[in-house]
Amino acid sequence: MPIAVEQIHTKIAELEARIADLRIAERELQALDRISARQTKAAPAPKAKRKPGPKAKQKSALKPKSQKAASSQTQPRQTIGAAITEVLGQHGPLPAAEIAERIKATGREINNRTVSFALQALKKRGLAKNTDGKWTAAKGRGRQARSLPGASVPEIAAAA
């Protein structure tokens, strides 16, 4: 019987040693968790959402930092509508696909779909019109000279 009791005591001692090892391992894991929790940063504040095209992301990623800084100091980029009206003003009536090609030739990443949507928006605003599949810029909204009753053309020009 004393042998059985001694065996039980040795088993208890072995188990207590294992428990002590497990407690040490647990403390080490908790310490590692605390360190990793300190190293992680809080999420940054949400930024204003912009929807650049997928190619615009690639292009900006390839620019060196000095060019990025220089381009941010220059004037803001021209809007699509302004670019379209400029192309139409320079080249006259064009189909949407050719407008997109001419804008691409200036170095701007744009596709036919974007140009089409912009042309529709310009059309709604009365700044562009479509005739036989070709888009033209609407005439300027400049103030027209009023005709004076009984005045001839030279007199109207002199009055202006």
N, C-alpha and C. Protein backbone atom coordinates (compact mmCIF):
# COMPACT_ATOMS: atom_id res chain seq x y z
N MET A 1 0.80 -1.19 0.00
CA MET A 1 0.00 0.00 0.00
C MET A 1 0.85 1.26 0.00
N PRO A 2 1.92 1.34 0.74
CA PRO A 2 2.73 2.54 0.69
C PRO A 2 3.28 2.77 -0.72
N ILE A 3 3.47 1.74 -1.48
CA ILE A 3 3.98 1.91 -2.83
C ILE A 3 2.91 2.60 -3.68
N ALA A 4 1.66 2.25 -3.56
CA ALA A 4 0.57 2.85 -4.32
C ALA A 4 0.43 4.32 -3.97
N VAL A 5 0.57 4.65 -2.69
CA VAL A 5 0.47 6.04 -2.26
C VAL A 5 1.65 6.85 -2.82
N GLU A 6 2.84 6.26 -2.81
CA GLU A 6 4.00 6.95 -3.36
C GLU A 6 3.84 7.18 -4.87
N GLN A 7 3.27 6.20 -5.55
CA GLN A 7 3.03 6.36 -6.99
C GLN A 7 2.04 7.50 -7.24
N ILE A 8 1.03 7.59 -6.41
CA ILE A 8 0.04 8.65 -6.56
C ILE A 8 0.71 10.01 -6.33
N HIS A 9 1.55 10.08 -5.27
CA HIS A 9 2.24 11.34 -4.99
C HIS A 9 3.17 11.76 -6.14
N THR A 10 3.84 10.83 -6.75
CA THR A 10 4.72 11.17 -7.88
C THR A 10 3.90 11.64 -9.09
N LYS A 11 2.75 10.96 -9.30
CA LYS A 11 1.87 11.38 -10.40
C LYS A 11 1.39 12.80 -10.15
N ILE A 12 0.99 13.12 -8.90
CA ILE A 12 0.51 14.46 -8.55
C ILE A 12 1.62 15.48 -8.79
N ALA A 13 2.85 15.16 -8.41
CA ALA A 13 3.98 16.07 -8.59
C ALA A 13 4.24 16.31 -10.09
N GLU A 14 4.14 15.25 -10.90
CA GLU A 14 4.32 15.41 -12.34
C GLU A 14 3.24 16.31 -12.93
N LEU A 15 1.99 16.09 -12.50
CA LEU A 15 0.88 16.90 -13.00
C LEU A 15 1.04 18.37 -12.58
N GLU A 16 1.48 18.61 -11.34
CA GLU A 16 1.70 19.97 -10.87
C GLU A 16 2.82 20.65 -11.67
N ALA A 17 3.82 19.91 -12.03
CA ALA A 17 4.91 20.46 -12.84
C ALA A 17 4.40 20.83 -14.24
N ARG A 18 3.55 19.97 -14.78
CA ARG A 18 2.95 20.27 -16.09
C ARG A 18 2.08 21.52 -16.01
N ILE A 19 1.28 21.61 -14.95
CA ILE A 19 0.40 22.78 -14.76
C ILE A 19 1.26 24.05 -14.67
N ALA A 20 2.35 23.98 -13.92
CA ALA A 20 3.24 25.14 -13.79
C ALA A 20 3.81 25.52 -15.16
N ASP A 21 4.22 24.56 -15.96
CA ASP A 21 4.72 24.84 -17.31
C ASP A 21 3.64 25.48 -18.19
N LEU A 22 2.41 24.97 -18.07
CA LEU A 22 1.31 25.53 -18.86
C LEU A 22 0.99 26.96 -18.44
N ARG A 23 1.07 27.24 -17.14
CA ARG A 23 0.83 28.61 -16.66
C ARG A 23 1.90 29.56 -17.18
N ILE A 24 3.14 29.10 -17.22
CA ILE A 24 4.22 29.93 -17.75
C ILE A 24 3.97 30.22 -19.23
N ALA A 25 3.59 29.18 -19.97
CA ALA A 25 3.31 29.35 -21.40
C ALA A 25 2.14 30.32 -21.60
N GLU A 26 1.11 30.22 -20.75
CA GLU A 26 -0.05 31.10 -20.85
C GLU A 26 0.36 32.56 -20.62
N ARG A 27 1.21 32.80 -19.60
CA ARG A 27 1.67 34.17 -19.33
C ARG A 27 2.48 34.72 -20.50
N GLU A 28 3.30 33.88 -21.10
CA GLU A 28 4.09 34.33 -22.25
C GLU A 28 3.20 34.70 -23.44
N LEU A 29 2.16 33.89 -23.67
CA LEU A 29 1.22 34.20 -24.76
C LEU A 29 0.48 35.50 -24.49
N GLN A 30 0.06 35.71 -23.25
CA GLN A 30 -0.63 36.95 -22.91
C GLN A 30 0.28 38.16 -23.10
N ALA A 31 1.54 38.01 -22.74
CA ALA A 31 2.49 39.10 -22.92
C ALA A 31 2.67 39.41 -24.41
N LEU A 32 2.75 38.37 -25.24
CA LEU A 32 2.88 38.57 -26.68
C LEU A 32 1.63 39.24 -27.26
N ASP A 33 0.45 38.87 -26.78
CA ASP A 33 -0.79 39.50 -27.23
C ASP A 33 -0.79 40.98 -26.89
N ARG A 34 -0.33 41.32 -25.69
CA ARG A 34 -0.30 42.74 -25.28
C ARG A 34 0.67 43.52 -26.16
N ILE A 35 1.80 42.95 -26.49
CA ILE A 35 2.79 43.64 -27.33
C ILE A 35 2.22 43.85 -28.73
N SER A 36 1.59 42.83 -29.30
CA SER A 36 1.04 42.99 -30.65
C SER A 36 -0.13 43.96 -30.64
N ALA A 37 -0.88 44.01 -29.54
CA ALA A 37 -1.99 44.97 -29.46
C ALA A 37 -1.46 46.39 -29.40
N ARG A 38 -0.32 46.62 -28.76
CA ARG A 38 0.27 47.95 -28.69
C ARG A 38 0.82 48.38 -30.04
N GLN A 39 1.35 47.45 -30.81
CA GLN A 39 1.97 47.79 -32.09
C GLN A 39 0.94 48.13 -33.15
N THR A 40 -0.24 47.59 -33.09
CA THR A 40 -1.24 47.89 -34.10
C THR A 40 -1.76 49.30 -33.87
N LYS A 41 -2.01 50.00 -34.96
CA LYS A 41 -2.48 51.38 -34.88
C LYS A 41 -3.99 51.40 -35.03
N ALA A 42 -4.57 52.45 -34.52
CA ALA A 42 -6.00 52.64 -34.68
C ALA A 42 -6.29 52.93 -36.15
N ALA A 43 -7.46 52.60 -36.58
CA ALA A 43 -7.83 52.82 -37.97
C ALA A 43 -7.82 54.32 -38.27
N PRO A 44 -7.29 54.72 -39.43
CA PRO A 44 -7.25 56.14 -39.76
C PRO A 44 -8.66 56.67 -40.03
N ALA A 45 -8.80 57.95 -39.91
CA ALA A 45 -10.10 58.58 -40.16
C ALA A 45 -10.47 58.36 -41.63
N PRO A 46 -11.75 58.18 -41.91
CA PRO A 46 -12.15 57.94 -43.30
C PRO A 46 -11.83 59.15 -44.17
N LYS A 47 -11.34 58.88 -45.38
CA LYS A 47 -10.98 59.93 -46.32
C LYS A 47 -12.17 60.21 -47.24
N ALA A 48 -12.14 61.35 -47.87
CA ALA A 48 -13.17 61.68 -48.84
C ALA A 48 -13.07 60.69 -49.99
N LYS A 49 -14.20 60.16 -50.39
CA LYS A 49 -14.20 59.12 -51.42
C LYS A 49 -14.10 59.74 -52.80
N ARG A 50 -13.16 59.20 -53.59
CA ARG A 50 -13.02 59.56 -54.99
C ARG A 50 -13.06 58.28 -55.79
N LYS A 51 -13.56 58.37 -56.97
CA LYS A 51 -13.66 57.17 -57.79
C LYS A 51 -12.80 57.32 -59.04
N PRO A 52 -11.49 57.19 -58.87
CA PRO A 52 -10.67 57.23 -60.08
C PRO A 52 -10.79 55.92 -60.83
N GLY A 53 -10.58 56.00 -62.09
CA GLY A 53 -10.62 54.79 -62.90
C GLY A 53 -9.47 53.88 -62.54
N PRO A 54 -9.54 52.62 -62.93
CA PRO A 54 -8.47 51.68 -62.59
C PRO A 54 -7.14 52.08 -63.19
N LYS A 55 -7.14 52.70 -64.37
CA LYS A 55 -5.88 53.09 -64.99
C LYS A 55 -5.30 54.31 -64.29
N ALA A 56 -6.16 55.17 -63.74
CA ALA A 56 -5.66 56.34 -63.02
C ALA A 56 -4.89 55.91 -61.79
N LYS A 57 -5.31 54.85 -61.13
CA LYS A 57 -4.59 54.33 -59.97
C LYS A 57 -3.21 53.85 -60.38
N GLN A 58 -3.12 53.13 -61.50
CA GLN A 58 -1.84 52.62 -61.96
C GLN A 58 -0.92 53.76 -62.34
N LYS A 59 -1.44 54.77 -62.99
CA LYS A 59 -0.64 55.88 -63.43
C LYS A 59 -0.07 56.64 -62.24
N SER A 60 -0.90 56.89 -61.23
CA SER A 60 -0.41 57.64 -60.07
C SER A 60 0.58 56.81 -59.28
N ALA A 61 0.45 55.49 -59.31
CA ALA A 61 1.38 54.64 -58.58
C ALA A 61 2.75 54.63 -59.25
N LEU A 62 2.79 54.86 -60.56
CA LEU A 62 4.05 54.82 -61.28
C LEU A 62 4.79 56.15 -61.26
N LYS A 63 4.12 57.24 -60.90
CA LYS A 63 4.75 58.54 -60.87
C LYS A 63 5.75 58.62 -59.74
N PRO A 64 6.92 59.20 -59.97
CA PRO A 64 7.83 59.43 -58.86
C PRO A 64 7.28 60.51 -57.94
N LYS A 65 7.76 60.54 -56.72
CA LYS A 65 7.24 61.48 -55.73
C LYS A 65 7.44 62.93 -56.18
N SER A 66 8.55 63.24 -56.82
CA SER A 66 8.81 64.62 -57.22
C SER A 66 7.77 65.08 -58.25
N GLN A 67 7.36 64.19 -59.16
CA GLN A 67 6.35 64.56 -60.14
C GLN A 67 4.99 64.72 -59.48
N LYS A 68 4.68 63.88 -58.49
CA LYS A 68 3.41 64.02 -57.80
C LYS A 68 3.33 65.37 -57.12
N ALA A 69 4.39 65.78 -56.46
CA ALA A 69 4.40 67.06 -55.78
C ALA A 69 4.29 68.20 -56.78
N ALA A 70 4.98 68.09 -57.90
CA ALA A 70 4.94 69.15 -58.90
C ALA A 70 3.56 69.25 -59.52
N SER A 71 2.92 68.13 -59.80
CA SER A 71 1.60 68.17 -60.43
C SER A 71 0.54 68.68 -59.47
N SER A 72 0.74 68.49 -58.16
CA SER A 72 -0.26 68.98 -57.22
C SER A 72 -0.16 70.49 -57.06
N GLN A 73 1.00 71.09 -57.41
CA GLN A 73 1.16 72.52 -57.30
C GLN A 73 0.64 73.24 -58.54
N THR A 74 0.50 72.54 -59.66
CA THR A 74 0.00 73.15 -60.87
C THR A 74 -1.51 73.30 -60.80
N GLN A 75 -2.07 73.80 -61.87
CA GLN A 75 -3.51 74.02 -61.90
C GLN A 75 -4.25 72.69 -61.82
N PRO A 76 -5.49 72.72 -61.31
CA PRO A 76 -6.26 71.48 -61.27
C PRO A 76 -6.56 70.99 -62.69
N ARG A 77 -6.76 69.69 -62.80
CA ARG A 77 -6.99 69.08 -64.11
C ARG A 77 -8.32 69.55 -64.69
N GLN A 78 -8.35 69.68 -65.99
CA GLN A 78 -9.53 70.12 -66.71
C GLN A 78 -10.63 69.08 -66.60
N THR A 79 -11.88 69.52 -66.48
CA THR A 79 -12.99 68.56 -66.41
C THR A 79 -13.18 67.90 -67.76
N ILE A 80 -13.87 66.77 -67.75
CA ILE A 80 -14.11 66.04 -68.99
C ILE A 80 -14.95 66.88 -69.94
N GLY A 81 -15.98 67.51 -69.40
CA GLY A 81 -16.84 68.36 -70.24
C GLY A 81 -16.06 69.49 -70.89
N ALA A 82 -15.17 70.11 -70.13
CA ALA A 82 -14.37 71.19 -70.68
C ALA A 82 -13.42 70.67 -71.76
N ALA A 83 -12.85 69.50 -71.53
CA ALA A 83 -11.96 68.91 -72.53
C ALA A 83 -12.73 68.59 -73.80
N ILE A 84 -13.96 68.09 -73.66
CA ILE A 84 -14.77 67.76 -74.84
C ILE A 84 -15.12 69.02 -75.61
N THR A 85 -15.56 70.08 -74.92
CA THR A 85 -15.92 71.31 -75.62
C THR A 85 -14.70 71.94 -76.28
N GLU A 86 -13.53 71.80 -75.67
CA GLU A 86 -12.31 72.31 -76.28
C GLU A 86 -12.00 71.56 -77.57
N VAL A 87 -12.11 70.23 -77.54
CA VAL A 87 -11.85 69.42 -78.74
C VAL A 87 -12.86 69.76 -79.84
N LEU A 88 -14.13 69.89 -79.46
CA LEU A 88 -15.15 70.22 -80.46
C LEU A 88 -14.93 71.62 -81.02
N GLY A 89 -14.48 72.55 -80.20
CA GLY A 89 -14.20 73.90 -80.67
C GLY A 89 -13.03 73.94 -81.65
N GLN A 90 -12.04 73.10 -81.42
CA GLN A 90 -10.86 73.08 -82.28
C GLN A 90 -11.08 72.31 -83.57
N HIS A 91 -11.81 71.20 -83.51
CA HIS A 91 -11.90 70.28 -84.65
C HIS A 91 -13.28 70.22 -85.30
N GLY A 92 -14.25 70.87 -84.75
CA GLY A 92 -15.59 70.85 -85.35
C GLY A 92 -16.34 69.58 -85.00
N PRO A 93 -17.40 69.26 -85.75
CA PRO A 93 -18.23 68.09 -85.44
C PRO A 93 -17.44 66.78 -85.53
N LEU A 94 -17.57 65.96 -84.47
CA LEU A 94 -16.86 64.68 -84.42
C LEU A 94 -17.74 63.62 -83.77
N PRO A 95 -17.55 62.34 -84.14
CA PRO A 95 -18.24 61.26 -83.41
C PRO A 95 -17.60 61.09 -82.03
N ALA A 96 -18.35 60.51 -81.12
CA ALA A 96 -17.89 60.36 -79.74
C ALA A 96 -16.57 59.60 -79.65
N ALA A 97 -16.42 58.55 -80.46
CA ALA A 97 -15.19 57.76 -80.40
C ALA A 97 -13.97 58.60 -80.79
N GLU A 98 -14.12 59.46 -81.77
CA GLU A 98 -13.00 60.29 -82.19
C GLU A 98 -12.70 61.37 -81.15
N ILE A 99 -13.73 61.85 -80.48
CA ILE A 99 -13.51 62.82 -79.39
C ILE A 99 -12.66 62.15 -78.30
N ALA A 100 -13.01 60.92 -77.97
CA ALA A 100 -12.25 60.18 -76.95
C ALA A 100 -10.80 60.00 -77.39
N GLU A 101 -10.58 59.68 -78.65
CA GLU A 101 -9.22 59.49 -79.16
C GLU A 101 -8.41 60.78 -79.06
N ARG A 102 -9.02 61.90 -79.41
CA ARG A 102 -8.31 63.18 -79.37
C ARG A 102 -7.98 63.58 -77.93
N ILE A 103 -8.86 63.26 -76.99
CA ILE A 103 -8.58 63.57 -75.59
C ILE A 103 -7.47 62.64 -75.08
N LYS A 104 -7.50 61.38 -75.50
CA LYS A 104 -6.43 60.44 -75.13
C LYS A 104 -5.08 60.92 -75.66
N ALA A 105 -5.10 61.52 -76.84
CA ALA A 105 -3.86 62.01 -77.45
C ALA A 105 -3.22 63.10 -76.61
N THR A 106 -4.00 63.79 -75.80
CA THR A 106 -3.44 64.83 -74.93
C THR A 106 -2.81 64.24 -73.68
N GLY A 107 -2.93 62.91 -73.51
CA GLY A 107 -2.30 62.24 -72.37
C GLY A 107 -3.26 61.91 -71.25
N ARG A 108 -4.52 62.15 -71.43
CA ARG A 108 -5.50 61.86 -70.38
C ARG A 108 -6.09 60.48 -70.60
N GLU A 109 -6.18 59.70 -69.52
CA GLU A 109 -6.77 58.36 -69.59
C GLU A 109 -8.29 58.50 -69.57
N ILE A 110 -8.93 58.14 -70.65
CA ILE A 110 -10.38 58.27 -70.77
C ILE A 110 -10.86 57.20 -71.72
N ASN A 111 -12.12 56.78 -71.59
CA ASN A 111 -12.65 55.79 -72.51
C ASN A 111 -13.91 56.32 -73.19
N ASN A 112 -14.38 55.60 -74.19
CA ASN A 112 -15.53 56.04 -74.97
C ASN A 112 -16.79 56.19 -74.12
N ARG A 113 -16.93 55.32 -73.15
CA ARG A 113 -18.13 55.35 -72.30
C ARG A 113 -18.17 56.65 -71.49
N THR A 114 -17.04 57.04 -70.95
CA THR A 114 -16.98 58.28 -70.18
C THR A 114 -17.32 59.47 -71.05
N VAL A 115 -16.79 59.48 -72.25
CA VAL A 115 -17.07 60.57 -73.18
C VAL A 115 -18.55 60.60 -73.53
N SER A 116 -19.13 59.44 -73.74
CA SER A 116 -20.55 59.37 -74.09
C SER A 116 -21.41 59.94 -72.97
N PHE A 117 -21.13 59.55 -71.72
CA PHE A 117 -21.90 60.07 -70.60
C PHE A 117 -21.73 61.58 -70.47
N ALA A 118 -20.51 62.06 -70.66
CA ALA A 118 -20.26 63.50 -70.55
C ALA A 118 -20.97 64.25 -71.67
N LEU A 119 -20.99 63.68 -72.86
CA LEU A 119 -21.70 64.32 -73.98
C LEU A 119 -23.20 64.40 -73.70
N GLN A 120 -23.76 63.35 -73.12
CA GLN A 120 -25.19 63.38 -72.78
C GLN A 120 -25.48 64.47 -71.75
N ALA A 121 -24.58 64.61 -70.78
CA ALA A 121 -24.76 65.65 -69.76
C ALA A 121 -24.65 67.04 -70.40
N LEU A 122 -23.70 67.21 -71.32
CA LEU A 122 -23.57 68.49 -72.01
C LEU A 122 -24.80 68.78 -72.86
N LYS A 123 -25.36 67.73 -73.46
CA LYS A 123 -26.55 67.89 -74.28
C LYS A 123 -27.73 68.35 -73.42
N LYS A 124 -27.88 67.78 -72.24
CA LYS A 124 -28.97 68.18 -71.34
C LYS A 124 -28.84 69.64 -70.92
N ARG A 125 -27.60 70.10 -70.78
CA ARG A 125 -27.35 71.48 -70.38
C ARG A 125 -27.38 72.44 -71.56
N GLY A 126 -27.54 71.90 -72.76
CA GLY A 126 -27.61 72.74 -73.95
C GLY A 126 -26.26 73.19 -74.45
N LEU A 127 -25.19 72.51 -74.05
CA LEU A 127 -23.84 72.92 -74.45
C LEU A 127 -23.30 72.09 -75.61
N ALA A 128 -24.00 71.02 -75.99
CA ALA A 128 -23.58 70.19 -77.11
C ALA A 128 -24.82 69.63 -77.78
N LYS A 129 -24.69 69.32 -79.06
CA LYS A 129 -25.82 68.70 -79.76
C LYS A 129 -25.30 67.63 -80.71
N ASN A 130 -26.16 66.67 -81.00
CA ASN A 130 -25.80 65.54 -81.84
C ASN A 130 -26.59 65.62 -83.13
N THR A 131 -25.88 65.62 -84.25
CA THR A 131 -26.52 65.65 -85.56
C THR A 131 -25.88 64.57 -86.41
N ASP A 132 -26.66 63.60 -86.81
CA ASP A 132 -26.20 62.49 -87.66
C ASP A 132 -25.01 61.77 -87.05
N GLY A 133 -25.01 61.56 -85.76
CA GLY A 133 -23.95 60.82 -85.09
C GLY A 133 -22.70 61.62 -84.81
N LYS A 134 -22.71 62.89 -85.16
CA LYS A 134 -21.55 63.75 -84.89
C LYS A 134 -21.96 64.81 -83.87
N TRP A 135 -21.09 65.01 -82.93
CA TRP A 135 -21.35 65.96 -81.85
C TRP A 135 -20.71 67.30 -82.18
N THR A 136 -21.43 68.36 -81.87
CA THR A 136 -20.91 69.71 -82.06
C THR A 136 -21.14 70.50 -80.79
N ALA A 137 -20.28 71.49 -80.59
CA ALA A 137 -20.46 72.37 -79.44
C ALA A 137 -21.57 73.35 -79.78
N ALA A 138 -22.44 73.58 -78.82
CA ALA A 138 -23.52 74.54 -79.03
C ALA A 138 -22.91 75.93 -79.13
N LYS A 139 -23.59 76.82 -79.80
CA LYS A 139 -23.06 78.17 -79.95
C LYS A 139 -22.98 78.84 -78.60
N GLY A 140 -22.01 79.71 -78.47
CA GLY A 140 -21.80 80.42 -77.20
C GLY A 140 -23.03 81.19 -76.78
N ARG A 141 -23.13 81.42 -75.49
CA ARG A 141 -24.29 82.13 -74.95
C ARG A 141 -24.00 83.62 -74.82
N GLY A 142 -23.15 84.11 -75.70
CA GLY A 142 -22.79 85.53 -75.63
C GLY A 142 -23.99 86.42 -75.89
N ARG A 143 -23.88 87.66 -75.45
CA ARG A 143 -24.96 88.61 -75.62
C ARG A 143 -24.96 89.10 -77.06
N GLN A 144 -26.10 89.05 -77.69
CA GLN A 144 -26.20 89.49 -79.07
C GLN A 144 -26.57 90.97 -79.10
N ALA A 145 -26.03 91.66 -80.09
CA ALA A 145 -26.33 93.09 -80.22
C ALA A 145 -27.77 93.25 -80.68
N ARG A 146 -28.45 94.20 -80.05
CA ARG A 146 -29.83 94.47 -80.46
C ARG A 146 -29.82 95.36 -81.69
N SER A 147 -30.73 95.11 -82.56
CA SER A 147 -30.80 95.97 -83.74
C SER A 147 -31.56 97.24 -83.37
N LEU A 148 -31.04 98.32 -83.83
CA LEU A 148 -31.69 99.60 -83.58
C LEU A 148 -32.66 99.84 -84.72
N PRO A 149 -33.87 100.26 -84.41
CA PRO A 149 -34.83 100.50 -85.50
C PRO A 149 -34.35 101.61 -86.43
N GLY A 150 -34.36 101.31 -87.72
CA GLY A 150 -33.99 102.27 -88.75
C GLY A 150 -32.50 102.48 -88.88
N ALA A 151 -31.66 101.65 -88.24
CA ALA A 151 -30.22 101.82 -88.32
C ALA A 151 -29.63 100.86 -89.33
N SER A 152 -28.60 101.28 -90.01
CA SER A 152 -27.93 100.41 -90.95
C SER A 152 -26.83 99.64 -90.27
N VAL A 153 -26.21 98.69 -90.96
CA VAL A 153 -25.18 97.84 -90.39
C VAL A 153 -23.99 98.66 -89.87
N PRO A 154 -23.46 99.65 -90.62
CA PRO A 154 -22.33 100.44 -90.08
C PRO A 154 -22.70 101.22 -88.82
N GLU A 155 -23.94 101.71 -88.77
CA GLU A 155 -24.38 102.47 -87.59
C GLU A 155 -24.46 101.56 -86.36
N ILE A 156 -24.90 100.30 -86.57
CA ILE A 156 -24.99 99.35 -85.46
C ILE A 156 -23.58 99.03 -84.95
N ALA A 157 -22.65 98.85 -85.86
CA ALA A 157 -21.27 98.56 -85.47
C ALA A 157 -20.67 99.74 -84.72
N ALA A 158 -20.98 100.96 -85.15
CA ALA A 158 -20.44 102.15 -84.49
C ALA A 158 -21.06 102.30 -83.10
N ALA A 159 -22.32 101.88 -82.93
CA ALA A 159 -23.00 102.00 -81.65
C ALA A 159 -22.43 101.02 -80.63
N ALA A 160 -21.93 99.90 -81.11
CA ALA A 160 -21.38 98.89 -80.20
C ALA A 160 -20.05 99.32 -79.76
